[in-house]
């Protein structure tokens, strides 16, 4: 899945995102609204991981989605 597909399927994907990153709130997901960079930032913030680790997690998730 690429970034454009993520934006297009955002509403459908929020359940999958919540399952993977349970600390993310509905407000976090609403702020991200399909923006990969904002999602990465929210993961960094909530989980205290480096940007590279958050990007890796999102990339792996997007490949499987």
PDB file of N, CA and C in Angstrom:
ATOM      1  N   UNK A   1       0.861  -1.171   0.000  1.00  0.00           N
ATOM      2  CA  UNK A   1       0.000   0.000   0.000  1.00  0.00           C
ATOM      3  C   UNK A   1       0.906   1.232   0.000  1.00  0.00           C
ATOM      4  N   UNK A   2       0.562   2.194  -0.828  1.00  0.00           N
ATOM      5  CA  UNK A   2       1.337   3.429  -0.841  1.00  0.00           C
ATOM      6  C   UNK A   2       0.586   4.519  -0.072  1.00  0.00           C
ATOM      7  N   UNK A   3       1.200   5.688  -0.005  1.00  0.00           N
ATOM      8  CA  UNK A   3       0.634   6.779   0.783  1.00  0.00           C
ATOM      9  C   UNK A   3      -0.727   7.217   0.258  1.00  0.00           C
ATOM     10  N   UNK A   4      -0.898   7.260  -1.055  1.00  0.00           N
ATOM     11  CA  UNK A   4      -2.190   7.656  -1.623  1.00  0.00           C
ATOM     12  C   UNK A   4      -3.279   6.656  -1.258  1.00  0.00           C
ATOM     13  N   UNK A   5      -2.936   5.372  -1.287  1.00  0.00           N
ATOM     14  CA  UNK A   5      -3.910   4.350  -0.908  1.00  0.00           C
ATOM     15  C   UNK A   5      -4.266   4.472   0.574  1.00  0.00           C
ATOM     16  N   UNK A   6      -3.269   4.792   1.393  1.00  0.00           N
ATOM     17  CA  UNK A   6      -3.526   4.972   2.819  1.00  0.00           C
ATOM     18  C   UNK A   6      -4.532   6.082   3.036  1.00  0.00           C
ATOM     19  N   UNK A   7      -4.352   7.205   2.349  1.00  0.00           N
ATOM     20  CA  UNK A   7      -5.290   8.324   2.494  1.00  0.00           C
ATOM     21  C   UNK A   7      -6.688   7.917   2.059  1.00  0.00           C
ATOM     22  N   UNK A   8      -6.787   7.177   0.960  1.00  0.00           N
ATOM     23  CA  UNK A   8      -8.079   6.779   0.428  1.00  0.00           C
ATOM     24  C   UNK A   8      -8.815   5.779   1.302  1.00  0.00           C
ATOM     25  N   UNK A   9      -8.062   4.936   1.996  1.00  0.00           N
ATOM     26  CA  UNK A   9      -8.661   3.879   2.812  1.00  0.00           C
ATOM     27  C   UNK A   9      -8.557   4.165   4.305  1.00  0.00           C
ATOM     28  N   UNK A  10      -8.274   5.407   4.664  1.00  0.00           N
ATOM     29  CA  UNK A  10      -7.997   5.754   6.061  1.00  0.00           C
ATOM     30  C   UNK A  10      -9.086   5.295   7.016  1.00  0.00           C
ATOM     31  N   UNK A  11     -10.326   5.587   6.708  1.00  0.00           N
ATOM     32  CA  UNK A  11     -11.425   5.235   7.614  1.00  0.00           C
ATOM     33  C   UNK A  11     -11.477   3.733   7.830  1.00  0.00           C
ATOM     34  N   UNK A  12     -11.281   2.977   6.771  1.00  0.00           N
ATOM     35  CA  UNK A  12     -11.318   1.525   6.880  1.00  0.00           C
ATOM     36  C   UNK A  12     -10.120   0.988   7.662  1.00  0.00           C
ATOM     37  N   UNK A  13      -8.996   1.678   7.573  1.00  0.00           N
ATOM     38  CA  UNK A  13      -7.759   1.198   8.161  1.00  0.00           C
ATOM     39  C   UNK A  13      -7.605   1.569   9.642  1.00  0.00           C
ATOM     40  N   UNK A  14      -8.422   2.470  10.145  1.00  0.00           N
ATOM     41  CA  UNK A  14      -8.239   2.919  11.528  1.00  0.00           C
ATOM     42  C   UNK A  14      -8.359   1.763  12.532  1.00  0.00           C
ATOM     43  N   UNK A  15      -9.195   0.799  12.264  1.00  0.00           N
ATOM     44  CA  UNK A  15      -9.306  -0.359  13.151  1.00  0.00           C
ATOM     45  C   UNK A  15      -8.016  -1.151  13.206  1.00  0.00           C
ATOM     46  N   UNK A  16      -7.409  -1.327  12.058  1.00  0.00           N
ATOM     47  CA  UNK A  16      -6.139  -2.039  11.978  1.00  0.00           C
ATOM     48  C   UNK A  16      -5.029  -1.251  12.672  1.00  0.00           C
ATOM     49  N   UNK A  17      -5.065   0.055  12.522  1.00  0.00           N
ATOM     50  CA  UNK A  17      -4.068   0.918  13.168  1.00  0.00           C
ATOM     51  C   UNK A  17      -4.215   0.826  14.685  1.00  0.00           C
ATOM     52  N   UNK A  18      -5.451   0.888  15.160  1.00  0.00           N
ATOM     53  CA  UNK A  18      -5.702   0.800  16.603  1.00  0.00           C
ATOM     54  C   UNK A  18      -5.268  -0.558  17.159  1.00  0.00           C
ATOM     55  N   UNK A  19      -5.442  -1.611  16.365  1.00  0.00           N
ATOM     56  CA  UNK A  19      -5.040  -2.936  16.812  1.00  0.00           C
ATOM     57  C   UNK A  19      -3.517  -3.022  16.951  1.00  0.00           C
ATOM     58  N   UNK A  20      -2.806  -2.394  16.042  1.00  0.00           N
ATOM     59  CA  UNK A  20      -1.332  -2.441  16.072  1.00  0.00           C
ATOM     60  C   UNK A  20      -0.761  -1.469  17.092  1.00  0.00           C
ATOM     61  N   UNK A  21      -1.297  -0.262  17.131  1.00  0.00           N
ATOM     62  CA  UNK A  21      -0.791   0.790  18.014  1.00  0.00           C
ATOM     63  C   UNK A  21      -1.923   1.232  18.945  1.00  0.00           C
ATOM     64  N   UNK A  22      -2.194   0.436  19.943  1.00  0.00           N
ATOM     65  CA  UNK A  22      -3.324   0.648  20.834  1.00  0.00           C
ATOM     66  C   UNK A  22      -3.287   1.935  21.643  1.00  0.00           C
ATOM     67  N   UNK A  23      -2.107   2.530  21.789  1.00  0.00           N
ATOM     68  CA  UNK A  23      -2.016   3.781  22.551  1.00  0.00           C
ATOM     69  C   UNK A  23      -2.527   4.986  21.761  1.00  0.00           C
ATOM     70  N   UNK A  24      -2.697   4.827  20.458  1.00  0.00           N
ATOM     71  CA  UNK A  24      -3.195   5.938  19.648  1.00  0.00           C
ATOM     72  C   UNK A  24      -4.691   6.116  19.893  1.00  0.00           C
ATOM     73  N   UNK A  25      -5.091   7.344  20.124  1.00  0.00           N
ATOM     74  CA  UNK A  25      -6.493   7.647  20.393  1.00  0.00           C
ATOM     75  C   UNK A  25      -7.223   7.988  19.097  1.00  0.00           C
ATOM     76  N   UNK A  26      -8.543   8.071  19.201  1.00  0.00           N
ATOM     77  CA  UNK A  26      -9.336   8.506  18.048  1.00  0.00           C
ATOM     78  C   UNK A  26      -8.907   9.901  17.612  1.00  0.00           C
ATOM     79  N   UNK A  27      -8.597  10.758  18.565  1.00  0.00           N
ATOM     80  CA  UNK A  27      -8.135  12.114  18.231  1.00  0.00           C
ATOM     81  C   UNK A  27      -6.814  12.075  17.471  1.00  0.00           C
ATOM     82  N   UNK A  28      -5.908  11.192  17.891  1.00  0.00           N
ATOM     83  CA  UNK A  28      -4.632  11.045  17.182  1.00  0.00           C
ATOM     84  C   UNK A  28      -4.878  10.654  15.722  1.00  0.00           C
ATOM     85  N   UNK A  29      -5.768   9.693  15.539  1.00  0.00           N
ATOM     86  CA  UNK A  29      -6.050   9.209  14.186  1.00  0.00           C
ATOM     87  C   UNK A  29      -6.758  10.276  13.356  1.00  0.00           C
ATOM     88  N   UNK A  30      -7.622  11.041  14.004  1.00  0.00           N
ATOM     89  CA  UNK A  30      -8.301  12.118  13.294  1.00  0.00           C
ATOM     90  C   UNK A  30      -7.299  13.183  12.851  1.00  0.00           C
ATOM     91  N   UNK A  31      -6.337  13.495  13.711  1.00  0.00           N
ATOM     92  CA  UNK A  31      -5.313  14.475  13.346  1.00  0.00           C
ATOM     93  C   UNK A  31      -4.464  13.983  12.186  1.00  0.00           C
ATOM     94  N   UNK A  32      -4.170  12.693  12.166  1.00  0.00           N
ATOM     95  CA  UNK A  32      -3.335  12.143  11.095  1.00  0.00           C
ATOM     96  C   UNK A  32      -4.093  12.104   9.767  1.00  0.00           C
ATOM     97  N   UNK A  33      -5.371  11.749   9.786  1.00  0.00           N
ATOM     98  CA  UNK A  33      -6.234  11.717   8.596  1.00  0.00           C
ATOM     99  C   UNK A  33      -5.529  11.190   7.343  1.00  0.00           C
ATOM    100  N   UNK A  34      -4.829  10.057   7.475  1.00  0.00           N
ATOM    101  CA  UNK A  34      -4.206   9.436   6.321  1.00  0.00           C
ATOM    102  C   UNK A  34      -2.829   9.973   5.989  1.00  0.00           C
ATOM    103  N   UNK A  35      -2.334  10.905   6.764  1.00  0.00           N
ATOM    104  CA  UNK A  35      -1.007  11.464   6.527  1.00  0.00           C
ATOM    105  C   UNK A  35       0.015  10.586   7.236  1.00  0.00           C
ATOM    106  N   UNK A  36       0.827   9.903   6.458  1.00  0.00           N
ATOM    107  CA  UNK A  36       1.811   8.960   6.974  1.00  0.00           C
ATOM    108  C   UNK A  36       2.777   9.634   7.946  1.00  0.00           C
ATOM    109  N   UNK A  37       3.246  10.824   7.614  1.00  0.00           N
ATOM    110  CA  UNK A  37       4.213  11.521   8.465  1.00  0.00           C
ATOM    111  C   UNK A  37       3.628  11.870   9.830  1.00  0.00           C
ATOM    112  N   UNK A  38       2.373  12.295   9.840  1.00  0.00           N
ATOM    113  CA  UNK A  38       1.727  12.602  11.124  1.00  0.00           C
ATOM    114  C   UNK A  38       1.538  11.318  11.927  1.00  0.00           C
ATOM    115  N   UNK A  39       1.152  10.240  11.258  1.00  0.00           N
ATOM    116  CA  UNK A  39       1.006   8.948  11.937  1.00  0.00           C
ATOM    117  C   UNK A  39       2.329   8.543  12.570  1.00  0.00           C
ATOM    118  N   UNK A  40       3.412   8.682  11.847  1.00  0.00           N
ATOM    119  CA  UNK A  40       4.743   8.350  12.368  1.00  0.00           C
ATOM    120  C   UNK A  40       5.052   9.210  13.590  1.00  0.00           C
ATOM    121  N   UNK A  41       4.755  10.491  13.508  1.00  0.00           N
ATOM    122  CA  UNK A  41       4.982  11.393  14.629  1.00  0.00           C
ATOM    123  C   UNK A  41       4.178  10.999  15.856  1.00  0.00           C
ATOM    124  N   UNK A  42       2.938  10.604  15.651  1.00  0.00           N
ATOM    125  CA  UNK A  42       2.091  10.182  16.767  1.00  0.00           C
ATOM    126  C   UNK A  42       2.633   8.902  17.414  1.00  0.00           C
ATOM    127  N   UNK A  43       3.128   7.988  16.603  1.00  0.00           N
ATOM    128  CA  UNK A  43       3.712   6.751  17.133  1.00  0.00           C
ATOM    129  C   UNK A  43       4.967   7.076  17.941  1.00  0.00           C
ATOM    130  N   UNK A  44       5.794   7.974  17.424  1.00  0.00           N
ATOM    131  CA  UNK A  44       6.982   8.407  18.156  1.00  0.00           C
ATOM    132  C   UNK A  44       6.594   8.970  19.523  1.00  0.00           C
ATOM    133  N   UNK A  45       5.602   9.836  19.500  1.00  0.00           N
ATOM    134  CA  UNK A  45       5.154  10.526  20.716  1.00  0.00           C
ATOM    135  C   UNK A  45       4.598   9.550  21.749  1.00  0.00           C
ATOM    136  N   UNK A  46       3.720   8.649  21.315  1.00  0.00           N
ATOM    137  CA  UNK A  46       3.027   7.750  22.250  1.00  0.00           C
ATOM    138  C   UNK A  46       3.912   6.600  22.738  1.00  0.00           C
ATOM    139  N   UNK A  47       4.830   6.143  21.873  1.00  0.00           N
ATOM    140  CA  UNK A  47       5.627   4.976  22.211  1.00  0.00           C
ATOM    141  C   UNK A  47       7.075   5.297  22.549  1.00  0.00           C
ATOM    142  N   UNK A  48       7.486   6.546  22.373  1.00  0.00           N
ATOM    143  CA  UNK A  48       8.842   6.945  22.722  1.00  0.00           C
ATOM    144  C   UNK A  48       9.915   6.269  21.900  1.00  0.00           C
ATOM    145  N   UNK A  49       9.624   6.065  20.621  1.00  0.00           N
ATOM    146  CA  UNK A  49      10.606   5.442  19.728  1.00  0.00           C
ATOM    147  C   UNK A  49      11.195   6.501  18.795  1.00  0.00           C
ATOM    148  N   UNK A  50      12.348   6.173  18.225  1.00  0.00           N
ATOM    149  CA  UNK A  50      12.996   7.074  17.274  1.00  0.00           C
ATOM    150  C   UNK A  50      12.187   7.116  15.979  1.00  0.00           C
ATOM    151  N   UNK A  51      12.378   8.171  15.227  1.00  0.00           N
ATOM    152  CA  UNK A  51      11.661   8.339  13.963  1.00  0.00           C
ATOM    153  C   UNK A  51      11.899   7.155  13.037  1.00  0.00           C
ATOM    154  N   UNK A  52      13.135   6.682  12.979  1.00  0.00           N
ATOM    155  CA  UNK A  52      13.470   5.556  12.100  1.00  0.00           C
ATOM    156  C   UNK A  52      12.696   4.302  12.488  1.00  0.00           C
ATOM    157  N   UNK A  53      12.550   4.057  13.793  1.00  0.00           N
ATOM    158  CA  UNK A  53      11.799   2.892  14.262  1.00  0.00           C
ATOM    159  C   UNK A  53      10.317   3.038  13.936  1.00  0.00           C
ATOM    160  N   UNK A  54       9.774   4.223  14.137  1.00  0.00           N
ATOM    161  CA  UNK A  54       8.366   4.455  13.822  1.00  0.00           C
ATOM    162  C   UNK A  54       8.124   4.287  12.325  1.00  0.00           C
ATOM    163  N   UNK A  55       9.025   4.794  11.499  1.00  0.00           N
ATOM    164  CA  UNK A  55       8.898   4.638  10.045  1.00  0.00           C
ATOM    165  C   UNK A  55       8.952   3.166   9.657  1.00  0.00           C
ATOM    166  N   UNK A  56       9.861   2.425  10.271  1.00  0.00           N
ATOM    167  CA  UNK A  56       9.980   0.998   9.991  1.00  0.00           C
ATOM    168  C   UNK A  56       8.680   0.275  10.320  1.00  0.00           C
ATOM    169  N   UNK A  57       8.109   0.579  11.494  1.00  0.00           N
ATOM    170  CA  UNK A  57       6.856  -0.053  11.898  1.00  0.00           C
ATOM    171  C   UNK A  57       5.725   0.276  10.930  1.00  0.00           C
ATOM    172  N   UNK A  58       5.621   1.548  10.527  1.00  0.00           N
ATOM    173  CA  UNK A  58       4.567   1.945   9.602  1.00  0.00           C
ATOM    174  C   UNK A  58       4.773   1.296   8.240  1.00  0.00           C
ATOM    175  N   UNK A  59       6.004   1.257   7.760  1.00  0.00           N
ATOM    176  CA  UNK A  59       6.284   0.616   6.466  1.00  0.00           C
ATOM    177  C   UNK A  59       5.914  -0.859   6.485  1.00  0.00           C
ATOM    178  N   UNK A  60       6.284  -1.556   7.558  1.00  0.00           N
ATOM    179  CA  UNK A  60       5.930  -2.975   7.679  1.00  0.00           C
ATOM    180  C   UNK A  60       4.420  -3.150   7.722  1.00  0.00           C
ATOM    181  N   UNK A  61       3.738  -2.294   8.468  1.00  0.00           N
ATOM    182  CA  UNK A  61       2.279  -2.380   8.560  1.00  0.00           C
ATOM    183  C   UNK A  61       1.644  -2.128   7.198  1.00  0.00           C
ATOM    184  N   UNK A  62       2.153  -1.124   6.471  1.00  0.00           N
ATOM    185  CA  UNK A  62       1.580  -0.773   5.164  1.00  0.00           C
ATOM    186  C   UNK A  62       1.779  -1.898   4.149  1.00  0.00           C
ATOM    187  N   UNK A  63       2.896  -2.626   4.237  1.00  0.00           N
ATOM    188  CA  UNK A  63       3.147  -3.747   3.324  1.00  0.00           C
ATOM    189  C   UNK A  63       2.143  -4.871   3.550  1.00  0.00           C
ATOM    190  N   UNK A  64       1.736  -5.052   4.803  1.00  0.00           N
ATOM    191  CA  UNK A  64       0.812  -6.132   5.141  1.00  0.00           C
ATOM    192  C   UNK A  64      -0.646  -5.749   4.957  1.00  0.00           C
ATOM    193  N   UNK A  65      -0.918  -4.462   4.974  1.00  0.00           N
ATOM    194  CA  UNK A  65      -2.307  -3.990   4.908  1.00  0.00           C
ATOM    195  C   UNK A  65      -2.894  -4.148   3.527  1.00  0.00           C
TER     196      UNK A  65
END
